[in-house]
Amino acid sequence: MTKLWGSRFQSATDKLADQFSFSISYDHKLAWYDVVGSLAHAKMLGKQG
C-alpha cells in the first residue's frame, strides 16, 4: 500500500501504526452507517423527551 507520508520520513513505519491504519478504508465505508445510526438514536431520544 502506498502511504501519503511515505516520502516525508526516513525510518520505517512502526508495525503497530501500520496495523491501526490498515482498517481506515474499511472504516470509511462504515462511516455513513454510523452517522445514520447516530441520527436515528438522537431522534428516538428526542421523542422520549
C-alpha atoms as a PDB file:
ATOM      1  CA  MET A   1       0.000   0.000   0.000  1.00  0.00           C
ATOM      2  CA  THR A   2       1.340   3.451  -0.882  1.00  0.00           C
ATOM      3  CA  LYS A   3       1.281   5.836   2.039  1.00  0.00           C
ATOM      4  CA  LEU A   4       0.679   9.554   1.773  1.00  0.00           C
ATOM      5  CA  TRP A   5       3.532  10.232   4.160  1.00  0.00           C
ATOM      6  CA  GLY A   6       5.952   7.766   2.543  1.00  0.00           C
ATOM      7  CA  SER A   7       8.454  10.323   1.296  1.00  0.00           C
ATOM      8  CA  ARG A   8       8.493  12.523   4.401  1.00  0.00           C
ATOM      9  CA  PHE A   9      10.128  10.145   6.875  1.00  0.00           C
ATOM     10  CA  GLN A  10      13.422   8.288   6.747  1.00  0.00           C
ATOM     11  CA  SER A  11      12.607   5.354   9.045  1.00  0.00           C
ATOM     12  CA  ALA A  12      10.036   2.617   8.525  1.00  0.00           C
ATOM     13  CA  THR A  13       6.550   2.983   9.969  1.00  0.00           C
ATOM     14  CA  ASP A  14       6.027   1.219  13.290  1.00  0.00           C
ATOM     15  CA  LYS A  15       4.152  -2.094  12.876  1.00  0.00           C
ATOM     16  CA  LEU A  16       1.511  -1.071  15.426  1.00  0.00           C
ATOM     17  CA  ALA A  17       0.805   2.119  13.455  1.00  0.00           C
ATOM     18  CA  ASP A  18       0.511   0.064  10.257  1.00  0.00           C
ATOM     19  CA  GLN A  19      -1.981  -2.293  11.899  1.00  0.00           C
ATOM     20  CA  PHE A  20      -4.011   0.633  13.237  1.00  0.00           C
ATOM     21  CA  SER A  21      -4.202   2.457   9.903  1.00  0.00           C
ATOM     22  CA  PHE A  22      -4.848  -0.673   7.816  1.00  0.00           C
ATOM     23  CA  SER A  23      -8.587  -0.583   8.520  1.00  0.00           C
ATOM     24  CA  ILE A  24      -9.113   3.093   7.674  1.00  0.00           C
ATOM     25  CA  SER A  25     -10.504   2.308   4.198  1.00  0.00           C
ATOM     26  CA  TYR A  26     -12.978  -0.144   5.759  1.00  0.00           C
ATOM     27  CA  ASP A  27     -13.845   2.365   8.480  1.00  0.00           C
ATOM     28  CA  HIS A  28     -14.574   4.910   5.746  1.00  0.00           C
ATOM     29  CA  LYS A  29     -17.178   2.531   4.276  1.00  0.00           C
ATOM     30  CA  LEU A  30     -18.843   2.130   7.676  1.00  0.00           C
ATOM     31  CA  ALA A  31     -18.915   5.854   8.491  1.00  0.00           C
ATOM     32  CA  TRP A  32     -22.191   6.522   6.638  1.00  0.00           C
ATOM     33  CA  TYR A  33     -23.970   3.779   8.578  1.00  0.00           C
ATOM     34  CA  ASP A  34     -22.545   5.090  11.843  1.00  0.00           C
ATOM     35  CA  VAL A  35     -23.905   8.581  11.119  1.00  0.00           C
ATOM     36  CA  VAL A  36     -27.333   7.255  10.119  1.00  0.00           C
ATOM     37  CA  GLY A  37     -27.493   5.147  13.287  1.00  0.00           C
ATOM     38  CA  SER A  38     -26.473   8.096  15.446  1.00  0.00           C
ATOM     39  CA  LEU A  39     -29.129  10.317  13.863  1.00  0.00           C
ATOM     40  CA  ALA A  40     -31.806   7.667  14.412  1.00  0.00           C
ATOM     41  CA  HIS A  41     -30.727   7.288  18.028  1.00  0.00           C
ATOM     42  CA  ALA A  42     -30.825  11.062  18.589  1.00  0.00           C
ATOM     43  CA  LYS A  43     -34.291  11.229  17.012  1.00  0.00           C
ATOM     44  CA  MET A  44     -35.535   8.457  19.308  1.00  0.00           C
ATOM     45  CA  LEU A  45     -34.070  10.188  22.365  1.00  0.00           C
ATOM     46  CA  GLY A  46     -35.763  13.434  21.317  1.00  0.00           C
ATOM     47  CA  LYS A  47     -39.131  11.671  21.123  1.00  0.00           C
ATOM     48  CA  GLN A  48     -38.583  10.241  24.607  1.00  0.00           C
ATOM     49  CA  GLY A  49     -38.213  13.740  25.997  1.00  0.00           C
END
